[in-house]
Amino acid sequence: MRLVNIQNLTLDYSGLAKIEPHNYLEICRYFANQIMELPTISPDDLVKHGEWIYWEGWRGNYDCRIDGARCSLCGYSHETVYNVTNPKESLSNYCPNCGAKMDGGKENV
């Protein structure tokens, strides 16, 4: 199976005049050959890449410190786990809102 980008697909109908109207198999082959000529794309090109923008701050109770982060792509706020040695490690590897892979951006892949 190949992944192809069909957003810019323009089918050529000019060759249909050479195919008999009831020869459905040949008509399907005609269009399938055009689709097979499209360039292949990598599955990695479909993955959104982002990073957690990390901050520390006070929220709610005055004696309760909350470490948090937001997604660099969609802005989703993600609160981390309390009382952990490294709060950054408690963040998800993927944004639960937009599905972006949190690896620091595409240039860091």
PDB file of N, CA and C in Angstrom:
ATOM      1  N   MET A   1       0.841  -1.169   0.000  1.00  0.00           N
ATOM      2  CA  MET A   1       0.000   0.000   0.000  1.00  0.00           C
ATOM      3  C   MET A   1       0.895   1.244   0.000  1.00  0.00           C
ATOM      4  N   ARG A   2       0.507   2.252  -0.784  1.00  0.00           N
ATOM      5  CA  ARG A   2       1.247   3.509  -0.862  1.00  0.00           C
ATOM      6  C   ARG A   2       0.368   4.645  -0.376  1.00  0.00           C
ATOM      7  N   LEU A   3       0.981   5.608   0.301  1.00  0.00           N
ATOM      8  CA  LEU A   3       0.283   6.834   0.671  1.00  0.00           C
ATOM      9  C   LEU A   3       0.583   7.877  -0.390  1.00  0.00           C
ATOM     10  N   VAL A   4      -0.464   8.473  -0.944  1.00  0.00           N
ATOM     11  CA  VAL A   4      -0.300   9.519  -1.954  1.00  0.00           C
ATOM     12  C   VAL A   4      -1.145  10.714  -1.566  1.00  0.00           C
ATOM     13  N   ASN A   5      -0.719  11.894  -1.984  1.00  0.00           N
ATOM     14  CA  ASN A   5      -1.457  13.123  -1.744  1.00  0.00           C
ATOM     15  C   ASN A   5      -2.324  13.389  -2.962  1.00  0.00           C
ATOM     16  N   ILE A   6      -3.639  13.297  -2.776  1.00  0.00           N
ATOM     17  CA  ILE A   6      -4.541  13.469  -3.921  1.00  0.00           C
ATOM     18  C   ILE A   6      -5.161  14.859  -3.964  1.00  0.00           C
ATOM     19  N   GLN A   7      -4.684  15.777  -3.127  1.00  0.00           N
ATOM     20  CA  GLN A   7      -5.270  17.119  -3.107  1.00  0.00           C
ATOM     21  C   GLN A   7      -5.128  17.824  -4.450  1.00  0.00           C
ATOM     22  N   ASN A   8      -4.057  17.614  -5.144  1.00  0.00           N
ATOM     23  CA  ASN A   8      -3.841  18.270  -6.434  1.00  0.00           C
ATOM     24  C   ASN A   8      -4.072  17.327  -7.607  1.00  0.00           C
ATOM     25  N   LEU A   9      -4.820  16.267  -7.377  1.00  0.00           N
ATOM     26  CA  LEU A   9      -5.077  15.286  -8.432  1.00  0.00           C
ATOM     27  C   LEU A   9      -6.003  15.871  -9.490  1.00  0.00           C
ATOM     28  N   THR A  10      -5.568  15.816 -10.723  1.00  0.00           N
ATOM     29  CA  THR A  10      -6.400  16.201 -11.858  1.00  0.00           C
ATOM     30  C   THR A  10      -6.417  15.018 -12.809  1.00  0.00           C
ATOM     31  N   LEU A  11      -7.585  14.414 -12.965  1.00  0.00           N
ATOM     32  CA  LEU A  11      -7.695  13.247 -13.834  1.00  0.00           C
ATOM     33  C   LEU A  11      -7.812  13.669 -15.292  1.00  0.00           C
ATOM     34  N   ASP A  12      -7.179  12.891 -16.136  1.00  0.00           N
ATOM     35  CA  ASP A  12      -7.211  13.129 -17.578  1.00  0.00           C
ATOM     36  C   ASP A  12      -8.293  12.234 -18.175  1.00  0.00           C
ATOM     37  N   TYR A  13      -9.331  12.850 -18.708  1.00  0.00           N
ATOM     38  CA  TYR A  13     -10.441  12.102 -19.283  1.00  0.00           C
ATOM     39  C   TYR A  13     -10.301  11.904 -20.787  1.00  0.00           C
ATOM     40  N   SER A  14      -9.264  12.458 -21.385  1.00  0.00           N
ATOM     41  CA  SER A  14      -9.147  12.421 -22.847  1.00  0.00           C
ATOM     42  C   SER A  14      -8.987  11.005 -23.395  1.00  0.00           C
ATOM     43  N   GLY A  15      -8.394  10.109 -22.629  1.00  0.00           N
ATOM     44  CA  GLY A  15      -8.194   8.747 -23.111  1.00  0.00           C
ATOM     45  C   GLY A  15      -9.436   7.878 -23.058  1.00  0.00           C
ATOM     46  N   LEU A  16     -10.502   8.354 -22.418  1.00  0.00           N
ATOM     47  CA  LEU A  16     -11.721   7.553 -22.334  1.00  0.00           C
ATOM     48  C   LEU A  16     -12.376   7.339 -23.696  1.00  0.00           C
ATOM     49  N   ALA A  17     -12.126   8.242 -24.629  1.00  0.00           N
ATOM     50  CA  ALA A  17     -12.728   8.109 -25.956  1.00  0.00           C
ATOM     51  C   ALA A  17     -12.234   6.853 -26.670  1.00  0.00           C
ATOM     52  N   LYS A  18     -11.059   6.346 -26.285  1.00  0.00           N
ATOM     53  CA  LYS A  18     -10.484   5.156 -26.919  1.00  0.00           C
ATOM     54  C   LYS A  18     -10.976   3.859 -26.281  1.00  0.00           C
ATOM     55  N   ILE A  19     -11.729   3.963 -25.171  1.00  0.00           N
ATOM     56  CA  ILE A  19     -12.203   2.780 -24.452  1.00  0.00           C
ATOM     57  C   ILE A  19     -13.699   2.610 -24.715  1.00  0.00           C
ATOM     58  N   GLU A  20     -14.108   1.378 -24.959  1.00  0.00           N
ATOM     59  CA  GLU A  20     -15.531   1.125 -25.180  1.00  0.00           C
ATOM     60  C   GLU A  20     -16.319   1.460 -23.919  1.00  0.00           C
ATOM     61  N   PRO A  21     -17.508   2.073 -24.065  1.00  0.00           N
ATOM     62  CA  PRO A  21     -18.274   2.556 -22.907  1.00  0.00           C
ATOM     63  C   PRO A  21     -18.619   1.477 -21.872  1.00  0.00           C
ATOM     64  N   HIS A  22     -18.817   0.234 -22.282  1.00  0.00           N
ATOM     65  CA  HIS A  22     -19.212  -0.817 -21.342  1.00  0.00           C
ATOM     66  C   HIS A  22     -18.036  -1.636 -20.837  1.00  0.00           C
ATOM     67  N   ASN A  23     -16.840  -1.232 -21.158  1.00  0.00           N
ATOM     68  CA  ASN A  23     -15.650  -1.934 -20.692  1.00  0.00           C
ATOM     69  C   ASN A  23     -15.200  -1.304 -19.356  1.00  0.00           C
ATOM     70  N   TYR A  24     -15.960  -1.616 -18.295  1.00  0.00           N
ATOM     71  CA  TYR A  24     -15.742  -0.980 -16.999  1.00  0.00           C
ATOM     72  C   TYR A  24     -14.371  -1.298 -16.408  1.00  0.00           C
ATOM     73  N   LEU A  25     -13.893  -2.499 -16.614  1.00  0.00           N
ATOM     74  CA  LEU A  25     -12.595  -2.884 -16.089  1.00  0.00           C
ATOM     75  C   LEU A  25     -11.489  -2.012 -16.701  1.00  0.00           C
ATOM     76  N   GLU A  26     -11.559  -1.782 -17.985  1.00  0.00           N
ATOM     77  CA  GLU A  26     -10.552  -0.954 -18.659  1.00  0.00           C
ATOM     78  C   GLU A  26     -10.650   0.510 -18.221  1.00  0.00           C
ATOM     79  N   ILE A  27     -11.871   0.977 -17.973  1.00  0.00           N
ATOM     80  CA  ILE A  27     -12.059   2.351 -17.477  1.00  0.00           C
ATOM     81  C   ILE A  27     -11.422   2.494 -16.093  1.00  0.00           C
ATOM     82  N   CYS A  28     -11.636   1.499 -15.231  1.00  0.00           N
ATOM     83  CA  CYS A  28     -11.032   1.518 -13.894  1.00  0.00           C
ATOM     84  C   CYS A  28      -9.513   1.488 -13.987  1.00  0.00           C
ATOM     85  N   ARG A  29      -8.974   0.667 -14.858  1.00  0.00           N
ATOM     86  CA  ARG A  29      -7.519   0.610 -15.043  1.00  0.00           C
ATOM     87  C   ARG A  29      -6.968   1.945 -15.528  1.00  0.00           C
ATOM     88  N   TYR A  30      -7.716   2.586 -16.422  1.00  0.00           N
ATOM     89  CA  TYR A  30      -7.288   3.869 -16.969  1.00  0.00           C
ATOM     90  C   TYR A  30      -7.081   4.887 -15.845  1.00  0.00           C
ATOM     91  N   PHE A  31      -8.049   4.993 -14.933  1.00  0.00           N
ATOM     92  CA  PHE A  31      -7.931   5.945 -13.822  1.00  0.00           C
ATOM     93  C   PHE A  31      -6.956   5.452 -12.756  1.00  0.00           C
ATOM     94  N   ALA A  32      -6.903   4.149 -12.511  1.00  0.00           N
ATOM     95  CA  ALA A  32      -5.966   3.601 -11.527  1.00  0.00           C
ATOM     96  C   ALA A  32      -4.526   3.881 -11.934  1.00  0.00           C
ATOM     97  N   ASN A  33      -4.229   3.800 -13.210  1.00  0.00           N
ATOM     98  CA  ASN A  33      -2.868   4.098 -13.682  1.00  0.00           C
ATOM     99  C   ASN A  33      -2.488   5.560 -13.416  1.00  0.00           C
ATOM    100  N   GLN A  34      -3.438   6.462 -13.545  1.00  0.00           N
ATOM    101  CA  GLN A  34      -3.151   7.871 -13.261  1.00  0.00           C
ATOM    102  C   GLN A  34      -2.866   8.070 -11.769  1.00  0.00           C
ATOM    103  N   ILE A  35      -3.623   7.372 -10.932  1.00  0.00           N
ATOM    104  CA  ILE A  35      -3.412   7.485  -9.488  1.00  0.00           C
ATOM    105  C   ILE A  35      -2.078   6.863  -9.096  1.00  0.00           C
ATOM    106  N   MET A  36      -1.708   5.763  -9.731  1.00  0.00           N
ATOM    107  CA  MET A  36      -0.436   5.099  -9.417  1.00  0.00           C
ATOM    108  C   MET A  36       0.764   5.965  -9.790  1.00  0.00           C
ATOM    109  N   GLU A  37       0.587   6.913 -10.689  1.00  0.00           N
ATOM    110  CA  GLU A  37       1.678   7.791 -11.092  1.00  0.00           C
ATOM    111  C   GLU A  37       1.908   8.933 -10.104  1.00  0.00           C
ATOM    112  N   LEU A  38       1.012   9.103  -9.131  1.00  0.00           N
ATOM    113  CA  LEU A  38       1.184  10.167  -8.143  1.00  0.00           C
ATOM    114  C   LEU A  38       2.393   9.876  -7.260  1.00  0.00           C
ATOM    115  N   PRO A  39       3.093  10.905  -6.814  1.00  0.00           N
ATOM    116  CA  PRO A  39       4.253  10.681  -5.942  1.00  0.00           C
ATOM    117  C   PRO A  39       3.812  10.162  -4.568  1.00  0.00           C
ATOM    118  N   THR A  40       4.657   9.348  -3.983  1.00  0.00           N
ATOM    119  CA  THR A  40       4.403   8.779  -2.670  1.00  0.00           C
ATOM    120  C   THR A  40       4.800   9.776  -1.592  1.00  0.00           C
ATOM    121  N   ILE A  41       4.029   9.787  -0.484  1.00  0.00           N
ATOM    122  CA  ILE A  41       4.390  10.622   0.662  1.00  0.00           C
ATOM    123  C   ILE A  41       4.734   9.720   1.839  1.00  0.00           C
ATOM    124  N   SER A  42       5.536  10.226   2.731  1.00  0.00           N
ATOM    125  CA  SER A  42       5.959   9.473   3.905  1.00  0.00           C
ATOM    126  C   SER A  42       4.905   9.602   5.007  1.00  0.00           C
ATOM    127  N   PRO A  43       4.631   8.527   5.760  1.00  0.00           N
ATOM    128  CA  PRO A  43       3.698   8.639   6.888  1.00  0.00           C
ATOM    129  C   PRO A  43       4.160   9.673   7.912  1.00  0.00           C
ATOM    130  N   ASP A  44       5.472   9.884   8.014  1.00  0.00           N
ATOM    131  CA  ASP A  44       5.993  10.873   8.959  1.00  0.00           C
ATOM    132  C   ASP A  44       5.577  12.296   8.581  1.00  0.00           C
ATOM    133  N   ASP A  45       5.276  12.523   7.298  1.00  0.00           N
ATOM    134  CA  ASP A  45       4.843  13.848   6.866  1.00  0.00           C
ATOM    135  C   ASP A  45       3.451  14.191   7.397  1.00  0.00           C
ATOM    136  N   LEU A  46       2.695  13.188   7.833  1.00  0.00           N
ATOM    137  CA  LEU A  46       1.344  13.406   8.333  1.00  0.00           C
ATOM    138  C   LEU A  46       1.313  13.733   9.824  1.00  0.00           C
ATOM    139  N   VAL A  47       2.431  13.524  10.511  1.00  0.00           N
ATOM    140  CA  VAL A  47       2.492  13.744  11.950  1.00  0.00           C
ATOM    141  C   VAL A  47       2.757  15.221  12.236  1.00  0.00           C
ATOM    142  N   LYS A  48       1.912  15.798  13.108  1.00  0.00           N
ATOM    143  CA  LYS A  48       2.157  17.173  13.559  1.00  0.00           C
ATOM    144  C   LYS A  48       3.174  17.114  14.688  1.00  0.00           C
ATOM    145  N   HIS A  49       4.093  18.057  14.700  1.00  0.00           N
ATOM    146  CA  HIS A  49       5.121  18.109  15.730  1.00  0.00           C
ATOM    147  C   HIS A  49       4.998  19.410  16.500  1.00  0.00           C
ATOM    148  N   GLY A  50       5.104  19.318  17.799  1.00  0.00           N
ATOM    149  CA  GLY A  50       5.029  20.499  18.648  1.00  0.00           C
ATOM    150  C   GLY A  50       5.890  20.307  19.877  1.00  0.00           C
ATOM    151  N   GLU A  51       5.677  21.165  20.842  1.00  0.00           N
ATOM    152  CA  GLU A  51       6.406  21.045  22.101  1.00  0.00           C
ATOM    153  C   GLU A  51       5.541  21.610  23.212  1.00  0.00           C
ATOM    154  N   TRP A  52       5.809  21.140  24.414  1.00  0.00           N
ATOM    155  CA  TRP A  52       5.145  21.698  25.580  1.00  0.00           C
ATOM    156  C   TRP A  52       5.868  22.973  25.969  1.00  0.00           C
ATOM    157  N   ILE A  53       5.144  24.071  26.050  1.00  0.00           N
ATOM    158  CA  ILE A  53       5.702  25.324  26.544  1.00  0.00           C
ATOM    159  C   ILE A  53       5.449  25.300  28.049  1.00  0.00           C
ATOM    160  N   TYR A  54       6.522  25.240  28.789  1.00  0.00           N
ATOM    161  CA  TYR A  54       6.489  24.939  30.209  1.00  0.00           C
ATOM    162  C   TYR A  54       6.532  26.204  31.046  1.00  0.00           C
ATOM    163  N   TRP A  55       5.737  26.249  32.113  1.00  0.00           N
ATOM    164  CA  TRP A  55       5.790  27.356  33.044  1.00  0.00           C
ATOM    165  C   TRP A  55       5.517  26.842  34.450  1.00  0.00           C
ATOM    166  N   GLU A  56       5.887  27.613  35.400  1.00  0.00           N
ATOM    167  CA  GLU A  56       5.593  27.287  36.787  1.00  0.00           C
ATOM    168  C   GLU A  56       4.833  28.466  37.366  1.00  0.00           C
ATOM    169  N   GLY A  57       3.798  28.187  38.130  1.00  0.00           N
ATOM    170  CA  GLY A  57       3.038  29.291  38.684  1.00  0.00           C
ATOM    171  C   GLY A  57       2.121  28.849  39.802  1.00  0.00           C
ATOM    172  N   TRP A  58       1.522  29.837  40.429  1.00  0.00           N
ATOM    173  CA  TRP A  58       0.590  29.595  41.517  1.00  0.00           C
ATOM    174  C   TRP A  58      -0.818  29.700  40.978  1.00  0.00           C
ATOM    175  N   ARG A  59      -1.672  28.771  41.403  1.00  0.00           N
ATOM    176  CA  ARG A  59      -3.063  28.810  40.993  1.00  0.00           C
ATOM    177  C   ARG A  59      -3.918  28.242  42.116  1.00  0.00           C
ATOM    178  N   GLY A  60      -5.057  28.815  42.317  1.00  0.00           N
ATOM    179  CA  GLY A  60      -5.975  28.262  43.317  1.00  0.00           C
ATOM    180  C   GLY A  60      -5.518  28.557  44.729  1.00  0.00           C
ATOM    181  N   ASN A  61      -5.310  27.521  45.518  1.00  0.00           N
ATOM    182  CA  ASN A  61      -4.886  27.689  46.908  1.00  0.00           C
ATOM    183  C   ASN A  61      -3.510  28.345  46.946  1.00  0.00           C
ATOM    184  N   TYR A  62      -3.316  29.200  47.939  1.00  0.00           N
ATOM    185  CA  TYR A  62      -2.045  29.917  48.034  1.00  0.00           C
ATOM    186  C   TYR A  62      -0.879  29.002  48.404  1.00  0.00           C
ATOM    187  N   ASP A  63      -1.168  27.872  49.011  1.00  0.00           N
ATOM    188  CA  ASP A  63      -0.088  26.978  49.419  1.00  0.00           C
ATOM    189  C   ASP A  63       0.103  25.818  48.439  1.00  0.00           C
ATOM    190  N   CYS A  64      -0.547  25.844  47.306  1.00  0.00           N
ATOM    191  CA  CYS A  64      -0.498  24.724  46.360  1.00  0.00           C
ATOM    192  C   CYS A  64       0.157  25.179  45.063  1.00  0.00           C
ATOM    193  N   ARG A  65       1.349  24.724  44.806  1.00  0.00           N
ATOM    194  CA  ARG A  65       2.052  25.092  43.579  1.00  0.00           C
ATOM    195  C   ARG A  65       1.685  24.103  42.480  1.00  0.00           C
ATOM    196  N   ILE A  66       1.363  24.599  41.299  1.00  0.00           N
ATOM    197  CA  ILE A  66       0.993  23.752  40.166  1.00  0.00           C
ATOM    198  C   ILE A  66       1.965  24.042  39.028  1.00  0.00           C
ATOM    199  N   ASP A  67       2.614  23.017  38.536  1.00  0.00           N
ATOM    200  CA  ASP A  67       3.451  23.147  37.347  1.00  0.00           C
ATOM    201  C   ASP A  67       2.590  22.782  36.154  1.00  0.00           C
ATOM    202  N   GLY A  68       2.691  23.515  35.075  1.00  0.00           N
ATOM    203  CA  GLY A  68       1.855  23.232  33.916  1.00  0.00           C
ATOM    204  C   GLY A  68       2.566  23.521  32.615  1.00  0.00           C
ATOM    205  N   ALA A  69       1.880  23.228  31.535  1.00  0.00           N
ATOM    206  CA  ALA A  69       2.425  23.458  30.202  1.00  0.00           C
ATOM    207  C   ALA A  69       1.268  23.624  29.228  1.00  0.00           C
ATOM    208  N   ARG A  70       1.568  24.212  28.068  1.00  0.00           N
ATOM    209  CA  ARG A  70       0.562  24.300  27.014  1.00  0.00           C
ATOM    210  C   ARG A  70       1.181  23.857  25.690  1.00  0.00           C
ATOM    211  N   CYS A  71       0.335  23.345  24.826  1.00  0.00           N
ATOM    212  CA  CYS A  71       0.773  22.857  23.519  1.00  0.00           C
ATOM    213  C   CYS A  71       1.142  24.047  22.638  1.00  0.00           C
ATOM    214  N   SER A  72       2.282  23.948  21.948  1.00  0.00           N
ATOM    215  CA  SER A  72       2.726  25.037  21.072  1.00  0.00           C
ATOM    216  C   SER A  72       1.867  25.168  19.820  1.00  0.00           C
ATOM    217  N   LEU A  73       1.082  24.134  19.480  1.00  0.00           N
ATOM    218  CA  LEU A  73       0.253  24.193  18.276  1.00  0.00           C
ATOM    219  C   LEU A  73      -1.172  24.657  18.555  1.00  0.00           C
ATOM    220  N   CYS A  74      -1.833  24.039  19.541  1.00  0.00           N
ATOM    221  CA  CYS A  74      -3.248  24.346  19.764  1.00  0.00           C
ATOM    222  C   CYS A  74      -3.503  25.135  21.039  1.00  0.00           C
ATOM    223  N   GLY A  75      -2.498  25.254  21.911  1.00  0.00           N
ATOM    224  CA  GLY A  75      -2.659  26.011  23.138  1.00  0.00           C
ATOM    225  C   GLY A  75      -3.310  25.255  24.279  1.00  0.00           C
ATOM    226  N   TYR A  76      -3.512  23.949  24.097  1.00  0.00           N
ATOM    227  CA  TYR A  76      -4.136  23.140  25.146  1.00  0.00           C
ATOM    228  C   TYR A  76      -3.317  23.215  26.432  1.00  0.00           C
ATOM    229  N   SER A  77      -3.968  23.500  27.568  1.00  0.00           N
ATOM    230  CA  SER A  77      -3.282  23.572  28.860  1.00  0.00           C
ATOM    231  C   SER A  77      -3.250  22.193  29.502  1.00  0.00           C
ATOM    232  N   HIS A  78      -2.077  21.774  29.874  1.00  0.00           N
ATOM    233  CA  HIS A  78      -1.855  20.447  30.445  1.00  0.00           C
ATOM    234  C   HIS A  78      -1.210  20.630  31.812  1.00  0.00           C
ATOM    235  N   GLU A  79      -1.934  20.272  32.854  1.00  0.00           N
ATOM    236  CA  GLU A  79      -1.357  20.361  34.187  1.00  0.00           C
ATOM    237  C   GLU A  79      -0.581  19.088  34.472  1.00  0.00           C
ATOM    238  N   THR A  80       0.540  19.229  35.131  1.00  0.00           N
ATOM    239  CA  THR A  80       1.383  18.074  35.412  1.00  0.00           C
ATOM    240  C   THR A  80       1.022  17.466  36.762  1.00  0.00           C
ATOM    241  N   VAL A  81       1.668  16.378  37.069  1.00  0.00           N
ATOM    242  CA  VAL A  81       1.433  15.663  38.312  1.00  0.00           C
ATOM    243  C   VAL A  81       2.088  16.423  39.464  1.00  0.00           C
ATOM    244  N   TYR A  82       1.440  16.402  40.602  1.00  0.00           N
ATOM    245  CA  TYR A  82       1.992  17.046  41.793  1.00  0.00           C
ATOM    246  C   TYR A  82       3.117  16.216  42.388  1.00  0.00           C
ATOM    247  N   ASN A  83       3.993  16.882  43.091  1.00  0.00           N
ATOM    248  CA  ASN A  83       5.014  16.234  43.913  1.00  0.00           C
ATOM    249  C   ASN A  83       5.860  15.217  43.142  1.00  0.00           C
ATOM    250  N   VAL A  84       6.353  15.584  42.008  1.00  0.00           N
ATOM    251  CA  VAL A  84       7.265  14.720  41.254  1.00  0.00           C
ATOM    252  C   VAL A  84       8.619  15.416  41.178  1.00  0.00           C
ATOM    253  N   THR A  85       9.664  14.630  41.002  1.00  0.00           N
ATOM    254  CA  THR A  85      11.007  15.196  40.943  1.00  0.00           C
ATOM    255  C   THR A  85      11.184  16.081  39.722  1.00  0.00           C
ATOM    256  N   ASN A  86      10.751  15.593  38.551  1.00  0.00           N
ATOM    257  CA  ASN A  86      10.879  16.362  37.315  1.00  0.00           C
ATOM    258  C   ASN A  86       9.500  16.462  36.667  1.00  0.00           C
ATOM    259  N   PRO A  87       8.776  17.577  36.876  1.00  0.00           N
ATOM    260  CA  PRO A  87       7.430  17.690  36.334  1.00  0.00           C
ATOM    261  C   PRO A  87       7.371  17.617  34.814  1.00  0.00           C
ATOM    262  N   LYS A  88       8.439  18.019  34.127  1.00  0.00           N
ATOM    263  CA  LYS A  88       8.440  17.975  32.664  1.00  0.00           C
ATOM    264  C   LYS A  88       8.302  16.547  32.150  1.00  0.00           C
ATOM    265  N   GLU A  89       8.864  15.587  32.867  1.00  0.00           N
ATOM    266  CA  GLU A  89       8.792  14.189  32.440  1.00  0.00           C
ATOM    267  C   GLU A  89       7.399  13.599  32.616  1.00  0.00           C
ATOM    268  N   SER A  90       6.562  14.239  33.426  1.00  0.00           N
ATOM    269  CA  SER A  90       5.215  13.713  33.642  1.00  0.00           C
ATOM    270  C   SER A  90       4.250  14.125  32.533  1.00  0.00           C
ATOM    271  N   LEU A  91       4.687  14.997  31.639  1.00  0.00           N
ATOM    272  CA  LEU A  91       3.833  15.419  30.531  1.00  0.00           C
ATOM    273  C   LEU A  91       3.729  14.320  29.485  1.00  0.00           C
ATOM    274  N   SER A  92       2.605  14.296  28.813  1.00  0.00           N
ATOM    275  CA  SER A  92       2.350  13.305  27.764  1.00  0.00           C
ATOM    276  C   SER A  92       3.276  13.533  26.566  1.00  0.00           C
ATOM    277  N   ASN A  93       3.591  12.461  25.842  1.00  0.00           N
ATOM    278  CA  ASN A  93       4.400  12.576  24.618  1.00  0.00           C
ATOM    279  C   ASN A  93       3.584  13.094  23.443  1.00  0.00           C
ATOM    280  N   TYR A  94       2.260  13.123  23.594  1.00  0.00           N
ATOM    281  CA  TYR A  94       1.353  13.608  22.557  1.00  0.00           C
ATOM    282  C   TYR A  94       0.335  14.545  23.189  1.00  0.00           C
ATOM    283  N   CYS A  95      -0.062  15.580  22.482  1.00  0.00           N
ATOM    284  CA  CYS A  95      -1.095  16.482  22.974  1.00  0.00           C
ATOM    285  C   CYS A  95      -2.437  15.759  22.908  1.00  0.00           C
ATOM    286  N   PRO A  96      -3.173  15.682  24.018  1.00  0.00           N
ATOM    287  CA  PRO A  96      -4.461  14.990  23.989  1.00  0.00           C
ATOM    288  C   PRO A  96      -5.530  15.748  23.212  1.00  0.00           C
ATOM    289  N   ASN A  97      -5.290  17.009  22.903  1.00  0.00           N
ATOM    290  CA  ASN A  97      -6.276  17.797  22.178  1.00  0.00           C
ATOM    291  C   ASN A  97      -6.098  17.710  20.661  1.00  0.00           C
ATOM    292  N   CYS A  98      -4.889  17.981  20.162  1.00  0.00           N
ATOM    293  CA  CYS A  98      -4.666  18.006  18.708  1.00  0.00           C
ATOM    294  C   CYS A  98      -3.874  16.812  18.190  1.00  0.00           C
ATOM    295  N   GLY A  99      -3.311  16.003  19.080  1.00  0.00           N
ATOM    296  CA  GLY A  99      -2.576  14.810  18.666  1.00  0.00           C
ATOM    297  C   GLY A  99      -1.139  15.049  18.245  1.00  0.00           C
ATOM    298  N   ALA A 100      -0.645  16.265  18.413  1.00  0.00           N
ATOM    299  CA  ALA A 100       0.737  16.576  17.997  1.00  0.00           C
ATOM    300  C   ALA A 100       1.735  15.774  18.831  1.00  0.00           C
ATOM    301  N   LYS A 101       2.783  15.307  18.162  1.00  0.00           N
ATOM    302  CA  LYS A 101       3.866  14.609  18.852  1.00  0.00           C
ATOM    303  C   LYS A 101       4.759  15.666  19.490  1.00  0.00           C
ATOM    304  N   MET A 102       4.930  15.563  20.795  1.00  0.00           N
ATOM    305  CA  MET A 102       5.684  16.569  21.538  1.00  0.00           C
ATOM    306  C   MET A 102       7.167  16.217  21.572  1.00  0.00           C
ATOM    307  N   ASP A 103       7.835  16.481  20.467  1.00  0.00           N
ATOM    308  CA  ASP A 103       9.255  16.172  20.352  1.00  0.00           C
ATOM    309  C   ASP A 103      10.079  17.423  20.085  1.00  0.00           C
ATOM    310  N   GLY A 104       9.503  18.579  20.337  1.00  0.00           N
ATOM    311  CA  GLY A 104      10.247  19.828  20.180  1.00  0.00           C
ATOM    312  C   GLY A 104      10.161  20.426  18.786  1.00  0.00           C
ATOM    313  N   GLY A 105       9.345  19.897  17.943  1.00  0.00           N
ATOM    314  CA  GLY A 105       9.205  20.432  16.586  1.00  0.00           C
ATOM    315  C   GLY A 105       9.832  19.501  15.570  1.00  0.00           C
ATOM    316  N   LYS A 106       9.460  19.683  14.321  1.00  0.00           N
ATOM    317  CA  LYS A 106       9.873  18.781  13.246  1.00  0.00           C
ATOM    318  C   LYS A 106      11.382  18.760  13.031  1.00  0.00           C
ATOM    319  N   GLU A 107      12.057  19.873  13.285  1.00  0.00           N
ATOM    320  CA  GLU A 107      13.500  19.916  13.043  1.00  0.00           C
ATOM    321  C   GLU A 107      14.252  19.031  14.035  1.00  0.00           C
ATOM    322  N   ASN A 108      13.602  18.623  15.117  1.00  0.00           N
ATOM    323  CA  ASN A 108      14.270  17.780  16.117  1.00  0.00           C
ATOM    324  C   ASN A 108      13.983  16.296  15.942  1.00  0.00           C
ATOM    325  N   VAL A 109      13.305  15.932  14.870  1.00  0.00           N
ATOM    326  CA  VAL A 109      12.955  14.514  14.654  1.00  0.00           C
ATOM    327  C   VAL A 109      14.159  13.739  14.208  1.00  0.00           C
TER     328      VAL A 109
END
